[in-house]
Amino acid sequence: PALPSPPLPSRLLSAPLFMFSFFTLLVYLSGYVFLVFVAICLACGLYYLAELAEEYTTFTKKVIFYTIWAVLVIHFLLWVLDGFPTLCILVGAGSHLFYFKLLRNFP
């Protein structure tokens, strides 16, 4: 009969488990650091856009006006072509029509 293989030393068994947990911890930690940096970059970008909107109000008003029209056209196309529920389309279009009313008082 074949002889059984000798057991592996304990140091060889514990090293890969330690390395696995270390690298797993490193991956999770770096992922969380990445998410924090993404959040900071988004905050900086939104702050910059707010500064631009405050500086160029007439251009911002035009951009908002055409964006509302584009969204209304998309609502209509979703209703006609994809058969979205009428109530959902009416609520979305109604809210954007209300944005037109708010846009009249935009600086």
PDB file of N, CA and C in Angstrom:
ATOM      1  N   PRO A   1       0.825  -1.197   0.000  1.00  0.00           N
ATOM      2  CA  PRO A   1       0.000   0.000   0.000  1.00  0.00           C
ATOM      3  C   PRO A   1       0.863   1.252   0.000  1.00  0.00           C
ATOM      4  N   ALA A   2       0.299   2.346  -0.532  1.00  0.00           N
ATOM      5  CA  ALA A   2       1.026   3.617  -0.598  1.00  0.00           C
ATOM      6  C   ALA A   2       1.081   4.250   0.772  1.00  0.00           C
ATOM      7  N   LEU A   3       2.209   4.852   1.037  1.00  0.00           N
ATOM      8  CA  LEU A   3       2.386   5.522   2.326  1.00  0.00           C
ATOM      9  C   LEU A   3       1.645   6.861   2.311  1.00  0.00           C
ATOM     10  N   PRO A   4       1.023   7.206   3.417  1.00  0.00           N
ATOM     11  CA  PRO A   4       0.345   8.516   3.456  1.00  0.00           C
ATOM     12  C   PRO A   4       1.377   9.638   3.448  1.00  0.00           C
ATOM     13  N   SER A   5       0.997  10.751   2.851  1.00  0.00           N
ATOM     14  CA  SER A   5       1.927  11.876   2.799  1.00  0.00           C
ATOM     15  C   SER A   5       2.048  12.494   4.186  1.00  0.00           C
ATOM     16  N   PRO A   6       3.217  12.994   4.514  1.00  0.00           N
ATOM     17  CA  PRO A   6       3.409  13.573   5.845  1.00  0.00           C
ATOM     18  C   PRO A   6       2.611  14.871   5.971  1.00  0.00           C
ATOM     19  N   PRO A   7       2.164  15.194   7.148  1.00  0.00           N
ATOM     20  CA  PRO A   7       1.400  16.432   7.326  1.00  0.00           C
ATOM     21  C   PRO A   7       2.280  17.651   7.077  1.00  0.00           C
ATOM     22  N   LEU A   8       1.654  18.700   6.586  1.00  0.00           N
ATOM     23  CA  LEU A   8       2.389  19.936   6.327  1.00  0.00           C
ATOM     24  C   LEU A   8       2.690  20.648   7.633  1.00  0.00           C
ATOM     25  N   PRO A   9       3.820  21.328   7.695  1.00  0.00           N
ATOM     26  CA  PRO A   9       4.114  22.097   8.908  1.00  0.00           C
ATOM     27  C   PRO A   9       3.064  23.192   9.117  1.00  0.00           C
ATOM     28  N   SER A  10       2.820  23.549  10.349  1.00  0.00           N
ATOM     29  CA  SER A  10       1.765  24.513  10.661  1.00  0.00           C
ATOM     30  C   SER A  10       2.082  25.895  10.108  1.00  0.00           C
ATOM     31  N   ARG A  11       3.356  26.229   9.959  1.00  0.00           N
ATOM     32  CA  ARG A  11       3.690  27.551   9.431  1.00  0.00           C
ATOM     33  C   ARG A  11       3.263  27.695   7.969  1.00  0.00           C
ATOM     34  N   LEU A  12       3.246  26.620   7.215  1.00  0.00           N
ATOM     35  CA  LEU A  12       2.807  26.693   5.833  1.00  0.00           C
ATOM     36  C   LEU A  12       1.291  26.804   5.720  1.00  0.00           C
ATOM     37  N   LEU A  13       0.598  26.261   6.673  1.00  0.00           N
ATOM     38  CA  LEU A  13      -0.861  26.337   6.640  1.00  0.00           C
ATOM     39  C   LEU A  13      -1.372  27.700   7.077  1.00  0.00           C
ATOM     40  N   SER A  14      -0.732  28.353   8.022  1.00  0.00           N
ATOM     41  CA  SER A  14      -1.237  29.611   8.547  1.00  0.00           C
ATOM     42  C   SER A  14      -0.815  30.815   7.703  1.00  0.00           C
ATOM     43  N   ALA A  15       0.268  30.730   6.950  1.00  0.00           N
ATOM     44  CA  ALA A  15       0.736  31.870   6.176  1.00  0.00           C
ATOM     45  C   ALA A  15      -0.260  32.279   5.092  1.00  0.00           C
ATOM     46  N   PRO A  16      -0.784  31.374   4.273  1.00  0.00           N
ATOM     47  CA  PRO A  16      -1.726  31.827   3.255  1.00  0.00           C
ATOM     48  C   PRO A  16      -3.003  32.413   3.850  1.00  0.00           C
ATOM     49  N   LEU A  17      -3.465  31.899   4.979  1.00  0.00           N
ATOM     50  CA  LEU A  17      -4.658  32.437   5.596  1.00  0.00           C
ATOM     51  C   LEU A  17      -4.398  33.859   6.079  1.00  0.00           C
ATOM     52  N   PHE A  18      -3.231  34.101   6.654  1.00  0.00           N
ATOM     53  CA  PHE A  18      -2.888  35.447   7.095  1.00  0.00           C
ATOM     54  C   PHE A  18      -2.801  36.393   5.901  1.00  0.00           C
ATOM     55  N   MET A  19      -2.140  35.950   4.826  1.00  0.00           N
ATOM     56  CA  MET A  19      -1.993  36.801   3.652  1.00  0.00           C
ATOM     57  C   MET A  19      -3.345  37.069   3.009  1.00  0.00           C
ATOM     58  N   PHE A  20      -4.212  36.068   3.009  1.00  0.00           N
ATOM     59  CA  PHE A  20      -5.545  36.251   2.432  1.00  0.00           C
ATOM     60  C   PHE A  20      -6.306  37.311   3.209  1.00  0.00           C
ATOM     61  N   SER A  21      -6.280  37.244   4.516  1.00  0.00           N
ATOM     62  CA  SER A  21      -7.022  38.216   5.302  1.00  0.00           C
ATOM     63  C   SER A  21      -6.396  39.605   5.190  1.00  0.00           C
ATOM     64  N   PHE A  22      -5.057  39.675   5.092  1.00  0.00           N
ATOM     65  CA  PHE A  22      -4.395  40.974   4.943  1.00  0.00           C
ATOM     66  C   PHE A  22      -4.785  41.634   3.626  1.00  0.00           C
ATOM     67  N   PHE A  23      -4.727  40.878   2.540  1.00  0.00           N
ATOM     68  CA  PHE A  23      -5.059  41.451   1.243  1.00  0.00           C
ATOM     69  C   PHE A  23      -6.546  41.753   1.124  1.00  0.00           C
ATOM     70  N   THR A  24      -7.375  40.942   1.741  1.00  0.00           N
ATOM     71  CA  THR A  24      -8.806  41.240   1.738  1.00  0.00           C
ATOM     72  C   THR A  24      -9.062  42.544   2.476  1.00  0.00           C
ATOM     73  N   LEU A  25      -8.446  42.711   3.611  1.00  0.00           N
ATOM     74  CA  LEU A  25      -8.573  43.947   4.371  1.00  0.00           C
ATOM     75  C   LEU A  25      -8.046  45.131   3.562  1.00  0.00           C
ATOM     76  N   LEU A  26      -6.934  44.937   2.876  1.00  0.00           N
ATOM     77  CA  LEU A  26      -6.350  46.003   2.062  1.00  0.00           C
ATOM     78  C   LEU A  26      -7.290  46.404   0.923  1.00  0.00           C
ATOM     79  N   VAL A  27      -7.927  45.434   0.285  1.00  0.00           N
ATOM     80  CA  VAL A  27      -8.845  45.731  -0.812  1.00  0.00           C
ATOM     81  C   VAL A  27     -10.057  46.502  -0.307  1.00  0.00           C
ATOM     82  N   TYR A  28     -10.634  46.050   0.799  1.00  0.00           N
ATOM     83  CA  TYR A  28     -11.797  46.757   1.341  1.00  0.00           C
ATOM     84  C   TYR A  28     -11.426  48.169   1.789  1.00  0.00           C
ATOM     85  N   LEU A  29     -10.309  48.318   2.447  1.00  0.00           N
ATOM     86  CA  LEU A  29      -9.877  49.632   2.908  1.00  0.00           C
ATOM     87  C   LEU A  29      -9.629  50.573   1.732  1.00  0.00           C
ATOM     88  N   SER A  30      -8.967  50.091   0.706  1.00  0.00           N
ATOM     89  CA  SER A  30      -8.714  50.944  -0.455  1.00  0.00           C
ATOM     90  C   SER A  30     -10.012  51.274  -1.188  1.00  0.00           C
ATOM     91  N   GLY A  31     -10.967  50.356  -1.183  1.00  0.00           N
ATOM     92  CA  GLY A  31     -12.264  50.650  -1.795  1.00  0.00           C
ATOM     93  C   GLY A  31     -12.992  51.760  -1.067  1.00  0.00           C
ATOM     94  N   TYR A  32     -12.945  51.735   0.260  1.00  0.00           N
ATOM     95  CA  TYR A  32     -13.594  52.794   1.033  1.00  0.00           C
ATOM     96  C   TYR A  32     -12.879  54.126   0.864  1.00  0.00           C
ATOM     97  N   VAL A  33     -11.572  54.114   0.799  1.00  0.00           N
ATOM     98  CA  VAL A  33     -10.824  55.349   0.554  1.00  0.00           C
ATOM     99  C   VAL A  33     -11.177  55.902  -0.825  1.00  0.00           C
ATOM    100  N   PHE A  34     -11.305  55.028  -1.806  1.00  0.00           N
ATOM    101  CA  PHE A  34     -11.704  55.453  -3.151  1.00  0.00           C
ATOM    102  C   PHE A  34     -13.075  56.111  -3.120  1.00  0.00           C
ATOM    103  N   LEU A  35     -14.039  55.527  -2.406  1.00  0.00           N
ATOM    104  CA  LEU A  35     -15.379  56.115  -2.330  1.00  0.00           C
ATOM    105  C   LEU A  35     -15.362  57.478  -1.647  1.00  0.00           C
ATOM    106  N   VAL A  36     -14.524  57.644  -0.646  1.00  0.00           N
ATOM    107  CA  VAL A  36     -14.411  58.948   0.010  1.00  0.00           C
ATOM    108  C   VAL A  36     -13.867  59.985  -0.972  1.00  0.00           C
ATOM    109  N   PHE A  37     -12.848  59.619  -1.741  1.00  0.00           N
ATOM    110  CA  PHE A  37     -12.303  60.557  -2.721  1.00  0.00           C
ATOM    111  C   PHE A  37     -13.300  60.866  -3.826  1.00  0.00           C
ATOM    112  N   VAL A  38     -14.097  59.902  -4.239  1.00  0.00           N
ATOM    113  CA  VAL A  38     -15.126  60.164  -5.244  1.00  0.00           C
ATOM    114  C   VAL A  38     -16.158  61.145  -4.692  1.00  0.00           C
ATOM    115  N   ALA A  39     -16.553  60.962  -3.444  1.00  0.00           N
ATOM    116  CA  ALA A  39     -17.514  61.879  -2.829  1.00  0.00           C
ATOM    117  C   ALA A  39     -16.949  63.291  -2.737  1.00  0.00           C
ATOM    118  N   ILE A  40     -15.670  63.404  -2.393  1.00  0.00           N
ATOM    119  CA  ILE A  40     -15.046  64.731  -2.311  1.00  0.00           C
ATOM    120  C   ILE A  40     -14.970  65.372  -3.694  1.00  0.00           C
ATOM    121  N   CYS A  41     -14.638  64.595  -4.707  1.00  0.00           N
ATOM    122  CA  CYS A  41     -14.577  65.141  -6.073  1.00  0.00           C
ATOM    123  C   CYS A  41     -15.949  65.592  -6.557  1.00  0.00           C
ATOM    124  N   LEU A  42     -16.983  64.811  -6.262  1.00  0.00           N
ATOM    125  CA  LEU A  42     -18.334  65.223  -6.632  1.00  0.00           C
ATOM    126  C   LEU A  42     -18.743  66.501  -5.919  1.00  0.00           C
ATOM    127  N   ALA A  43     -18.400  66.619  -4.650  1.00  0.00           N
ATOM    128  CA  ALA A  43     -18.739  67.822  -3.901  1.00  0.00           C
ATOM    129  C   ALA A  43     -18.023  69.044  -4.485  1.00  0.00           C
ATOM    130  N   CYS A  44     -16.765  68.886  -4.847  1.00  0.00           N
ATOM    131  CA  CYS A  44     -16.023  69.998  -5.451  1.00  0.00           C
ATOM    132  C   CYS A  44     -16.621  70.390  -6.798  1.00  0.00           C
ATOM    133  N   GLY A  45     -16.984  69.399  -7.594  1.00  0.00           N
ATOM    134  CA  GLY A  45     -17.582  69.687  -8.893  1.00  0.00           C
ATOM    135  C   GLY A  45     -18.922  70.389  -8.764  1.00  0.00           C
ATOM    136  N   LEU A  46     -19.754  69.952  -7.829  1.00  0.00           N
ATOM    137  CA  LEU A  46     -21.042  70.613  -7.617  1.00  0.00           C
ATOM    138  C   LEU A  46     -20.869  72.028  -7.087  1.00  0.00           C
ATOM    139  N   TYR A  47     -19.878  72.232  -6.243  1.00  0.00           N
ATOM    140  CA  TYR A  47     -19.590  73.577  -5.748  1.00  0.00           C
ATOM    141  C   TYR A  47     -19.175  74.485  -6.897  1.00  0.00           C
ATOM    142  N   TYR A  48     -18.350  73.968  -7.802  1.00  0.00           N
ATOM    143  CA  TYR A  48     -17.920  74.759  -8.958  1.00  0.00           C
ATOM    144  C   TYR A  48     -19.100  75.086  -9.864  1.00  0.00           C
ATOM    145  N   LEU A  49     -19.976  74.107 -10.094  1.00  0.00           N
ATOM    146  CA  LEU A  49     -21.159  74.377 -10.916  1.00  0.00           C
ATOM    147  C   LEU A  49     -22.073  75.404 -10.267  1.00  0.00           C
ATOM    148  N   ALA A  50     -22.192  75.367  -8.949  1.00  0.00           N
ATOM    149  CA  ALA A  50     -23.001  76.367  -8.250  1.00  0.00           C
ATOM    150  C   ALA A  50     -22.397  77.756  -8.412  1.00  0.00           C
ATOM    151  N   GLU A  51     -21.090  77.843  -8.363  1.00  0.00           N
ATOM    152  CA  GLU A  51     -20.434  79.136  -8.580  1.00  0.00           C
ATOM    153  C   GLU A  51     -20.673  79.639 -10.001  1.00  0.00           C
ATOM    154  N   LEU A  52     -20.601  78.743 -10.980  1.00  0.00           N
ATOM    155  CA  LEU A  52     -20.864  79.150 -12.363  1.00  0.00           C
ATOM    156  C   LEU A  52     -22.310  79.598 -12.550  1.00  0.00           C
ATOM    157  N   ALA A  53     -23.252  78.873 -11.948  1.00  0.00           N
ATOM    158  CA  ALA A  53     -24.651  79.245 -12.066  1.00  0.00           C
ATOM    159  C   ALA A  53     -24.915  80.594 -11.414  1.00  0.00           C
ATOM    160  N   GLU A  54     -24.202  80.883 -10.346  1.00  0.00           N
ATOM    161  CA  GLU A  54     -24.369  82.174  -9.672  1.00  0.00           C
ATOM    162  C   GLU A  54     -23.743  83.298 -10.480  1.00  0.00           C
ATOM    163  N   GLU A  55     -22.668  83.002 -11.170  1.00  0.00           N
ATOM    164  CA  GLU A  55     -21.973  84.029 -11.943  1.00  0.00           C
ATOM    165  C   GLU A  55     -22.692  84.347 -13.254  1.00  0.00           C
ATOM    166  N   TYR A  56     -23.184  83.335 -13.948  1.00  0.00           N
ATOM    167  CA  TYR A  56     -23.815  83.512 -15.258  1.00  0.00           C
ATOM    168  C   TYR A  56     -25.296  83.135 -15.162  1.00  0.00           C
ATOM    169  N   THR A  57     -26.105  84.024 -14.589  1.00  0.00           N
ATOM    170  CA  THR A  57     -27.509  83.688 -14.324  1.00  0.00           C
ATOM    171  C   THR A  57     -28.351  83.628 -15.591  1.00  0.00           C
ATOM    172  N   THR A  58     -28.096  84.492 -16.571  1.00  0.00           N
ATOM    173  CA  THR A  58     -28.917  84.451 -17.785  1.00  0.00           C
ATOM    174  C   THR A  58     -28.647  83.179 -18.582  1.00  0.00           C
ATOM    175  N   PHE A  59     -27.393  82.790 -18.667  1.00  0.00           N
ATOM    176  CA  PHE A  59     -27.069  81.536 -19.354  1.00  0.00           C
ATOM    177  C   PHE A  59     -27.654  80.345 -18.609  1.00  0.00           C
ATOM    178  N   THR A  60     -27.605  80.396 -17.279  1.00  0.00           N
ATOM    179  CA  THR A  60     -28.172  79.317 -16.464  1.00  0.00           C
ATOM    180  C   THR A  60     -29.671  79.214 -16.688  1.00  0.00           C
ATOM    181  N   LYS A  61     -30.343  80.358 -16.795  1.00  0.00           N
ATOM    182  CA  LYS A  61     -31.788  80.348 -17.037  1.00  0.00           C
ATOM    183  C   LYS A  61     -32.102  79.706 -18.386  1.00  0.00           C
ATOM    184  N   LYS A  62     -31.309  79.993 -19.402  1.00  0.00           N
ATOM    185  CA  LYS A  62     -31.517  79.379 -20.714  1.00  0.00           C
ATOM    186  C   LYS A  62     -31.289  77.867 -20.662  1.00  0.00           C
ATOM    187  N   VAL A  63     -30.232  77.456 -19.971  1.00  0.00           N
ATOM    188  CA  VAL A  63     -29.934  76.027 -19.858  1.00  0.00           C
ATOM    189  C   VAL A  63     -31.062  75.304 -19.145  1.00  0.00           C
ATOM    190  N   ILE A  64     -31.567  75.877 -18.059  1.00  0.00           N
ATOM    191  CA  ILE A  64     -32.673  75.259 -17.328  1.00  0.00           C
ATOM    192  C   ILE A  64     -33.926  75.211 -18.195  1.00  0.00           C
ATOM    193  N   PHE A  65     -34.194  76.279 -18.940  1.00  0.00           N
ATOM    194  CA  PHE A  65     -35.373  76.340 -19.811  1.00  0.00           C
ATOM    195  C   PHE A  65     -35.341  75.217 -20.853  1.00  0.00           C
ATOM    196  N   TYR A  66     -34.216  75.077 -21.543  1.00  0.00           N
ATOM    197  CA  TYR A  66     -34.125  74.044 -22.580  1.00  0.00           C
ATOM    198  C   TYR A  66     -34.063  72.633 -21.986  1.00  0.00           C
ATOM    199  N   THR A  67     -33.506  72.509 -20.804  1.00  0.00           N
ATOM    200  CA  THR A  67     -33.485  71.205 -20.143  1.00  0.00           C
ATOM    201  C   THR A  67     -34.897  70.766 -19.771  1.00  0.00           C
ATOM    202  N   ILE A  68     -35.703  71.705 -19.282  1.00  0.00           N
ATOM    203  CA  ILE A  68     -37.095  71.372 -18.945  1.00  0.00           C
ATOM    204  C   ILE A  68     -37.847  70.950 -20.194  1.00  0.00           C
ATOM    205  N   TRP A  69     -37.641  71.657 -21.301  1.00  0.00           N
ATOM    206  CA  TRP A  69     -38.300  71.268 -22.549  1.00  0.00           C
ATOM    207  C   TRP A  69     -37.856  69.877 -23.002  1.00  0.00           C
ATOM    208  N   ALA A  70     -36.566  69.591 -22.871  1.00  0.00           N
ATOM    209  CA  ALA A  70     -36.066  68.274 -23.277  1.00  0.00           C
ATOM    210  C   ALA A  70     -36.688  67.178 -22.426  1.00  0.00           C
ATOM    211  N   VAL A  71     -36.826  67.419 -21.134  1.00  0.00           N
ATOM    212  CA  VAL A  71     -37.431  66.418 -20.256  1.00  0.00           C
ATOM    213  C   VAL A  71     -38.903  66.224 -20.596  1.00  0.00           C
ATOM    214  N   LEU A  72     -39.595  67.305 -20.924  1.00  0.00           N
ATOM    215  CA  LEU A  72     -41.006  67.177 -21.320  1.00  0.00           C
ATOM    216  C   LEU A  72     -41.148  66.375 -22.616  1.00  0.00           C
ATOM    217  N   VAL A  73     -40.248  66.587 -23.553  1.00  0.00           N
ATOM    218  CA  VAL A  73     -40.272  65.810 -24.804  1.00  0.00           C
ATOM    219  C   VAL A  73     -39.999  64.335 -24.503  1.00  0.00           C
ATOM    220  N   ILE A  74     -39.061  64.065 -23.612  1.00  0.00           N
ATOM    221  CA  ILE A  74     -38.762  62.678 -23.237  1.00  0.00           C
ATOM    222  C   ILE A  74     -39.972  62.040 -22.556  1.00  0.00           C
ATOM    223  N   HIS A  75     -40.665  62.799 -21.706  1.00  0.00           N
ATOM    224  CA  HIS A  75     -41.890  62.282 -21.086  1.00  0.00           C
ATOM    225  C   HIS A  75     -42.913  61.902 -22.155  1.00  0.00           C
ATOM    226  N   PHE A  76     -43.094  62.783 -23.133  1.00  0.00           N
ATOM    227  CA  PHE A  76     -44.063  62.507 -24.191  1.00  0.00           C
ATOM    228  C   PHE A  76     -43.662  61.271 -24.999  1.00  0.00           C
ATOM    229  N   LEU A  77     -42.374  61.168 -25.329  1.00  0.00           N
ATOM    230  CA  LEU A  77     -41.907  60.013 -26.101  1.00  0.00           C
ATOM    231  C   LEU A  77     -42.048  58.715 -25.312  1.00  0.00           C
ATOM    232  N   LEU A  78     -41.788  58.766 -24.015  1.00  0.00           N
ATOM    233  CA  LEU A  78     -41.965  57.572 -23.191  1.00  0.00           C
ATOM    234  C   LEU A  78     -43.429  57.151 -23.135  1.00  0.00           C
ATOM    235  N   TRP A  79     -44.317  58.124 -23.120  1.00  0.00           N
ATOM    236  CA  TRP A  79     -45.745  57.819 -23.078  1.00  0.00           C
ATOM    237  C   TRP A  79     -46.208  57.222 -24.410  1.00  0.00           C
ATOM    238  N   VAL A  80     -45.766  57.823 -25.521  1.00  0.00           N
ATOM    239  CA  VAL A  80     -46.228  57.388 -26.838  1.00  0.00           C
ATOM    240  C   VAL A  80     -45.537  56.093 -27.274  1.00  0.00           C
ATOM    241  N   LEU A  81     -44.219  56.043 -27.180  1.00  0.00           N
ATOM    242  CA  LEU A  81     -43.478  54.925 -27.748  1.00  0.00           C
ATOM    243  C   LEU A  81     -43.381  53.722 -26.814  1.00  0.00           C
ATOM    244  N   ASP A  82     -43.187  53.969 -25.525  1.00  0.00           N
ATOM    245  CA  ASP A  82     -42.992  52.849 -24.603  1.00  0.00           C
ATOM    246  C   ASP A  82     -44.226  52.493 -23.804  1.00  0.00           C
ATOM    247  N   GLY A  83     -45.233  53.327 -23.861  1.00  0.00           N
ATOM    248  CA  GLY A  83     -46.461  53.018 -23.155  1.00  0.00           C
ATOM    249  C   GLY A  83     -46.350  53.136 -21.643  1.00  0.00           C
ATOM    250  N   PHE A  84     -45.586  54.111 -21.175  1.00  0.00           N
ATOM    251  CA  PHE A  84     -45.488  54.325 -19.729  1.00  0.00           C
ATOM    252  C   PHE A  84     -46.864  54.685 -19.177  1.00  0.00           C
ATOM    253  N   PRO A  85     -47.117  54.413 -17.907  1.00  0.00           N
ATOM    254  CA  PRO A  85     -48.428  54.729 -17.330  1.00  0.00           C
ATOM    255  C   PRO A  85     -48.735  56.226 -17.413  1.00  0.00           C
ATOM    256  N   THR A  86     -49.960  56.534 -17.768  1.00  0.00           N
ATOM    257  CA  THR A  86     -50.357  57.919 -17.979  1.00  0.00           C
ATOM    258  C   THR A  86     -50.231  58.738 -16.704  1.00  0.00           C
ATOM    259  N   LEU A  87     -50.594  58.153 -15.572  1.00  0.00           N
ATOM    260  CA  LEU A  87     -50.511  58.890 -14.319  1.00  0.00           C
ATOM    261  C   LEU A  87     -49.069  59.297 -14.007  1.00  0.00           C
ATOM    262  N   CYS A  88     -48.135  58.394 -14.221  1.00  0.00           N
ATOM    263  CA  CYS A  88     -46.720  58.720 -13.965  1.00  0.00           C
ATOM    264  C   CYS A  88     -46.238  59.819 -14.901  1.00  0.00           C
ATOM    265  N   ILE A  89     -46.635  59.753 -16.157  1.00  0.00           N
ATOM    266  CA  ILE A  89     -46.239  60.773 -17.121  1.00  0.00           C
ATOM    267  C   ILE A  89     -46.843  62.120 -16.746  1.00  0.00           C
ATOM    268  N   LEU A  90     -48.101  62.123 -16.330  1.00  0.00           N
ATOM    269  CA  LEU A  90     -48.758  63.376 -15.954  1.00  0.00           C
ATOM    270  C   LEU A  90     -48.120  63.992 -14.711  1.00  0.00           C
ATOM    271  N   VAL A  91     -47.766  63.178 -13.752  1.00  0.00           N
ATOM    272  CA  VAL A  91     -47.115  63.708 -12.550  1.00  0.00           C
ATOM    273  C   VAL A  91     -45.748  64.292 -12.896  1.00  0.00           C
ATOM    274  N   GLY A  92     -44.972  63.585 -13.704  1.00  0.00           N
ATOM    275  CA  GLY A  92     -43.656  64.089 -14.096  1.00  0.00           C
ATOM    276  C   GLY A  92     -43.745  65.346 -14.934  1.00  0.00           C
ATOM    277  N   ALA A  93     -44.655  65.346 -15.902  1.00  0.00           N
ATOM    278  CA  ALA A  93     -44.819  66.531 -16.753  1.00  0.00           C
ATOM    279  C   ALA A  93     -45.370  67.696 -15.944  1.00  0.00           C
ATOM    280  N   GLY A  94     -46.280  67.414 -15.025  1.00  0.00           N
ATOM    281  CA  GLY A  94     -46.827  68.483 -14.187  1.00  0.00           C
ATOM    282  C   GLY A  94     -45.765  69.123 -13.315  1.00  0.00           C
ATOM    283  N   SER A  95     -44.882  68.317 -12.772  1.00  0.00           N
ATOM    284  CA  SER A  95     -43.816  68.895 -11.950  1.00  0.00           C
ATOM    285  C   SER A  95     -42.881  69.755 -12.792  1.00  0.00           C
ATOM    286  N   HIS A  96     -42.606  69.331 -14.019  1.00  0.00           N
ATOM    287  CA  HIS A  96     -41.732  70.139 -14.875  1.00  0.00           C
ATOM    288  C   HIS A  96     -42.440  71.395 -15.367  1.00  0.00           C
ATOM    289  N   LEU A  97     -43.743  71.337 -15.547  1.00  0.00           N
ATOM    290  CA  LEU A  97     -44.480  72.558 -15.877  1.00  0.00           C
ATOM    291  C   LEU A  97     -44.464  73.521 -14.695  1.00  0.00           C
ATOM    292  N   PHE A  98     -44.498  72.990 -13.491  1.00  0.00           N
ATOM    293  CA  PHE A  98     -44.368  73.839 -12.315  1.00  0.00           C
ATOM    294  C   PHE A  98     -42.979  74.474 -12.264  1.00  0.00           C
ATOM    295  N   TYR A  99     -41.956  73.762 -12.732  1.00  0.00           N
ATOM    296  CA  TYR A  99     -40.617  74.345 -12.800  1.00  0.00           C
ATOM    297  C   TYR A  99     -40.589  75.544 -13.748  1.00  0.00           C
ATOM    298  N   PHE A 100     -41.388  75.496 -14.827  1.00  0.00           N
ATOM    299  CA  PHE A 100     -41.490  76.658 -15.711  1.00  0.00           C
ATOM    300  C   PHE A 100     -42.032  77.862 -14.951  1.00  0.00           C
ATOM    301  N   LYS A 101     -43.012  77.608 -14.105  1.00  0.00           N
ATOM    302  CA  LYS A 101     -43.578  78.695 -13.311  1.00  0.00           C
ATOM    303  C   LYS A 101     -42.535  79.258 -12.350  1.00  0.00           C
ATOM    304  N   LEU A 102     -41.749  78.388 -11.742  1.00  0.00           N
ATOM    305  CA  LEU A 102     -40.679  78.857 -10.865  1.00  0.00           C
ATOM    306  C   LEU A 102     -39.578  79.578 -11.633  1.00  0.00           C
ATOM    307  N   LEU A 103     -39.394  79.213 -12.878  1.00  0.00           N
ATOM    308  CA  LEU A 103     -38.312  79.805 -13.683  1.00  0.00           C
ATOM    309  C   LEU A 103     -38.600  81.258 -14.018  1.00  0.00           C
ATOM    310  N   ARG A 104     -39.867  81.660 -13.999  1.00  0.00           N
ATOM    311  CA  ARG A 104     -40.194  83.069 -14.293  1.00  0.00           C
ATOM    312  C   ARG A 104     -39.567  84.005 -13.271  1.00  0.00           C
ATOM    313  N   ASN A 105     -39.444  83.565 -12.022  1.00  0.00           N
ATOM    314  CA  ASN A 105     -38.867  84.393 -10.975  1.00  0.00           C
ATOM    315  C   ASN A 105     -37.376  84.182 -10.796  1.00  0.00           C
ATOM    316  N   PHE A 106     -36.776  83.417 -11.700  1.00  0.00           N
ATOM    317  CA  PHE A 106     -35.335  83.158 -11.607  1.00  0.00           C
ATOM    318  C   PHE A 106     -34.587  84.436 -11.902  1.00  0.00           C
ATOM    319  N   PRO A 107     -33.534  84.714 -11.140  1.00  0.00           N
ATOM    320  CA  PRO A 107     -32.815  85.993 -11.341  1.00  0.00           C
ATOM    321  C   PRO A 107     -32.302  86.152 -12.702  1.00  0.00           C
TER     322      PRO A 107
END
